[in-house]
Amino acid sequence: MRAARALGAADLTYPDPAGFLPLRQAIAAYLGVARGIVCRPEQIVVTSGFQGALALVRQVLVRPGDTVWVEEVP
């Protein structure tokens, strides 16, 4: 009960759907240094794995009836 009373308003809201901001900031910094890719944390979306990422791409980019190609992974 004490732990619940210690929570602030920010602790009771939904998390950022794009992922934990400090993680996205670290990824953006890494991409800039290691890969030469300049991007902002707001351009990065962290998913809970390959299936989550693929589902997101499908929902955003693919329309019903579109043909898609997927790499076969052994």
N, C-alpha and C. Protein backbone atom coordinates (compact mmCIF):
# COMPACT_ATOMS: atom_id res chain seq x y z
N MET A 1 0.82 -1.19 0.00
CA MET A 1 0.00 0.00 0.00
C MET A 1 0.88 1.26 0.00
N ARG A 2 1.97 1.24 0.74
CA ARG A 2 2.86 2.40 0.77
C ARG A 2 3.46 2.67 -0.60
N ALA A 3 3.80 1.60 -1.30
CA ALA A 3 4.38 1.75 -2.63
C ALA A 3 3.38 2.43 -3.57
N ALA A 4 2.13 2.09 -3.48
CA ALA A 4 1.10 2.69 -4.33
C ALA A 4 0.95 4.17 -4.01
N ARG A 5 1.03 4.53 -2.75
CA ARG A 5 0.91 5.94 -2.37
C ARG A 5 2.09 6.77 -2.86
N ALA A 6 3.24 6.13 -3.02
CA ALA A 6 4.45 6.83 -3.45
C ALA A 6 4.47 7.09 -4.95
N LEU A 7 3.56 6.49 -5.70
CA LEU A 7 3.53 6.68 -7.14
C LEU A 7 3.05 8.07 -7.51
N GLY A 8 3.65 8.62 -8.55
CA GLY A 8 3.22 9.91 -9.06
C GLY A 8 2.28 9.73 -10.24
N ALA A 9 1.77 10.82 -10.76
CA ALA A 9 0.84 10.76 -11.89
C ALA A 9 1.49 10.13 -13.12
N ALA A 10 2.77 10.40 -13.34
CA ALA A 10 3.47 9.85 -14.51
C ALA A 10 3.58 8.33 -14.42
N ASP A 11 3.62 7.79 -13.20
CA ASP A 11 3.72 6.34 -13.02
C ASP A 11 2.41 5.63 -13.35
N LEU A 12 1.33 6.36 -13.43
CA LEU A 12 0.02 5.76 -13.65
C LEU A 12 -0.49 5.93 -15.08
N THR A 13 0.32 6.47 -15.95
CA THR A 13 -0.08 6.67 -17.34
C THR A 13 0.47 5.54 -18.20
N TYR A 14 -0.03 5.46 -19.42
CA TYR A 14 0.48 4.46 -20.36
C TYR A 14 1.89 4.86 -20.79
N PRO A 15 2.74 3.87 -21.03
CA PRO A 15 4.09 4.19 -21.51
C PRO A 15 4.05 4.69 -22.95
N ASP A 16 5.13 5.29 -23.38
CA ASP A 16 5.24 5.79 -24.75
C ASP A 16 5.14 4.61 -25.71
N PRO A 17 4.20 4.63 -26.65
CA PRO A 17 4.05 3.50 -27.56
C PRO A 17 5.26 3.29 -28.48
N ALA A 18 6.11 4.29 -28.64
CA ALA A 18 7.31 4.15 -29.47
C ALA A 18 8.45 3.49 -28.70
N GLY A 19 8.30 3.34 -27.40
CA GLY A 19 9.33 2.71 -26.60
C GLY A 19 9.95 3.68 -25.61
N PHE A 20 10.75 3.15 -24.73
CA PHE A 20 11.41 3.89 -23.65
C PHE A 20 12.33 4.95 -24.25
N LEU A 21 12.06 6.22 -23.97
CA LEU A 21 12.80 7.32 -24.59
C LEU A 21 14.32 7.22 -24.40
N PRO A 22 14.84 6.95 -23.19
CA PRO A 22 16.29 6.84 -23.06
C PRO A 22 16.88 5.73 -23.95
N LEU A 23 16.15 4.66 -24.17
CA LEU A 23 16.63 3.60 -25.07
C LEU A 23 16.67 4.12 -26.50
N ARG A 24 15.63 4.82 -26.93
CA ARG A 24 15.60 5.36 -28.29
C ARG A 24 16.70 6.40 -28.49
N GLN A 25 17.00 7.18 -27.45
CA GLN A 25 18.10 8.16 -27.54
C GLN A 25 19.43 7.43 -27.70
N ALA A 26 19.63 6.36 -26.95
CA ALA A 26 20.87 5.59 -27.05
C ALA A 26 21.00 4.94 -28.42
N ILE A 27 19.90 4.43 -28.97
CA ILE A 27 19.94 3.82 -30.30
C ILE A 27 20.28 4.85 -31.36
N ALA A 28 19.67 6.03 -31.26
CA ALA A 28 19.96 7.09 -32.23
C ALA A 28 21.44 7.50 -32.15
N ALA A 29 21.98 7.61 -30.95
CA ALA A 29 23.39 7.97 -30.79
C ALA A 29 24.28 6.87 -31.37
N TYR A 30 23.96 5.62 -31.10
CA TYR A 30 24.74 4.50 -31.62
C TYR A 30 24.71 4.48 -33.15
N LEU A 31 23.53 4.65 -33.73
CA LEU A 31 23.43 4.64 -35.19
C LEU A 31 24.27 5.75 -35.82
N GLY A 32 24.33 6.90 -35.18
CA GLY A 32 25.13 8.00 -35.69
C GLY A 32 26.61 7.70 -35.67
N VAL A 33 27.08 7.11 -34.56
CA VAL A 33 28.51 6.83 -34.41
C VAL A 33 28.93 5.58 -35.19
N ALA A 34 28.19 4.50 -35.04
CA ALA A 34 28.61 3.21 -35.59
C ALA A 34 28.23 3.02 -37.06
N ARG A 35 27.14 3.62 -37.48
CA ARG A 35 26.65 3.37 -38.83
C ARG A 35 26.59 4.62 -39.71
N GLY A 36 26.83 5.78 -39.13
CA GLY A 36 26.76 7.01 -39.90
C GLY A 36 25.35 7.41 -40.29
N ILE A 37 24.38 6.91 -39.54
CA ILE A 37 22.97 7.21 -39.81
C ILE A 37 22.54 8.33 -38.87
N VAL A 38 22.12 9.43 -39.43
CA VAL A 38 21.66 10.55 -38.62
C VAL A 38 20.15 10.44 -38.47
N CYS A 39 19.69 10.27 -37.23
CA CYS A 39 18.26 10.21 -36.97
C CYS A 39 17.99 10.74 -35.56
N ARG A 40 16.74 11.04 -35.34
CA ARG A 40 16.30 11.53 -34.03
C ARG A 40 15.61 10.39 -33.28
N PRO A 41 15.61 10.42 -31.97
CA PRO A 41 14.90 9.38 -31.20
C PRO A 41 13.42 9.27 -31.58
N GLU A 42 12.84 10.38 -32.02
CA GLU A 42 11.43 10.37 -32.42
C GLU A 42 11.19 9.54 -33.68
N GLN A 43 12.25 9.23 -34.41
CA GLN A 43 12.15 8.45 -35.64
C GLN A 43 12.36 6.96 -35.38
N ILE A 44 12.59 6.59 -34.14
CA ILE A 44 12.87 5.21 -33.78
C ILE A 44 11.69 4.65 -33.01
N VAL A 45 11.29 3.43 -33.36
CA VAL A 45 10.23 2.72 -32.66
C VAL A 45 10.80 1.40 -32.17
N VAL A 46 10.69 1.16 -30.87
CA VAL A 46 11.18 -0.08 -30.28
C VAL A 46 9.98 -1.02 -30.13
N THR A 47 10.12 -2.23 -30.65
CA THR A 47 9.05 -3.21 -30.54
C THR A 47 9.50 -4.36 -29.65
N SER A 48 8.58 -5.23 -29.35
CA SER A 48 8.89 -6.36 -28.47
C SER A 48 9.32 -7.58 -29.26
N GLY A 49 10.11 -7.37 -30.29
CA GLY A 49 10.63 -8.48 -31.05
C GLY A 49 10.28 -8.40 -32.52
N PHE A 50 10.73 -9.39 -33.25
CA PHE A 50 10.57 -9.41 -34.70
C PHE A 50 9.10 -9.42 -35.11
N GLN A 51 8.29 -10.23 -34.45
CA GLN A 51 6.88 -10.32 -34.82
C GLN A 51 6.15 -9.01 -34.58
N GLY A 52 6.49 -8.34 -33.48
CA GLY A 52 5.87 -7.04 -33.21
C GLY A 52 6.25 -6.01 -34.26
N ALA A 53 7.52 -6.02 -34.67
CA ALA A 53 7.98 -5.09 -35.70
C ALA A 53 7.32 -5.38 -37.03
N LEU A 54 7.25 -6.65 -37.39
CA LEU A 54 6.64 -7.04 -38.66
C LEU A 54 5.15 -6.69 -38.67
N ALA A 55 4.46 -6.90 -37.57
CA ALA A 55 3.04 -6.56 -37.48
C ALA A 55 2.85 -5.05 -37.63
N LEU A 56 3.72 -4.26 -37.03
CA LEU A 56 3.64 -2.81 -37.14
C LEU A 56 3.84 -2.36 -38.58
N VAL A 57 4.85 -2.90 -39.24
CA VAL A 57 5.12 -2.56 -40.63
C VAL A 57 3.92 -2.94 -41.50
N ARG A 58 3.38 -4.12 -41.25
CA ARG A 58 2.22 -4.58 -42.02
C ARG A 58 1.04 -3.62 -41.84
N GLN A 59 0.77 -3.22 -40.63
CA GLN A 59 -0.37 -2.33 -40.37
C GLN A 59 -0.18 -0.96 -41.00
N VAL A 60 1.05 -0.47 -41.03
CA VAL A 60 1.30 0.89 -41.50
C VAL A 60 1.51 0.96 -43.01
N LEU A 61 2.22 0.00 -43.57
CA LEU A 61 2.65 0.11 -44.96
C LEU A 61 1.91 -0.78 -45.96
N VAL A 62 1.33 -1.86 -45.50
CA VAL A 62 0.74 -2.82 -46.43
C VAL A 62 -0.78 -2.69 -46.44
N ARG A 63 -1.32 -2.60 -47.64
CA ARG A 63 -2.77 -2.55 -47.80
C ARG A 63 -3.30 -3.92 -48.19
N PRO A 64 -4.55 -4.21 -47.91
CA PRO A 64 -5.12 -5.50 -48.31
C PRO A 64 -4.95 -5.71 -49.82
N GLY A 65 -4.48 -6.88 -50.19
CA GLY A 65 -4.26 -7.20 -51.59
C GLY A 65 -2.86 -6.93 -52.10
N ASP A 66 -2.05 -6.19 -51.33
CA ASP A 66 -0.66 -5.94 -51.72
C ASP A 66 0.15 -7.24 -51.68
N THR A 67 1.10 -7.34 -52.60
CA THR A 67 2.01 -8.47 -52.59
C THR A 67 3.28 -8.06 -51.87
N VAL A 68 3.74 -8.90 -50.97
CA VAL A 68 4.97 -8.62 -50.21
C VAL A 68 5.91 -9.80 -50.32
N TRP A 69 7.19 -9.52 -50.23
CA TRP A 69 8.22 -10.54 -50.21
C TRP A 69 8.89 -10.51 -48.85
N VAL A 70 9.15 -11.68 -48.30
CA VAL A 70 9.78 -11.79 -46.99
C VAL A 70 10.96 -12.73 -47.12
N GLU A 71 12.07 -12.35 -46.55
CA GLU A 71 13.25 -13.19 -46.56
C GLU A 71 13.01 -14.46 -45.75
N GLU A 72 13.43 -15.59 -46.30
CA GLU A 72 13.32 -16.86 -45.57
C GLU A 72 14.55 -17.01 -44.70
N VAL A 73 14.32 -17.19 -43.42
CA VAL A 73 15.41 -17.34 -42.47
C VAL A 73 15.48 -18.82 -42.08
N PRO A 74 16.64 -19.43 -42.27
CA PRO A 74 16.74 -20.87 -41.95
C PRO A 74 16.63 -21.14 -40.47
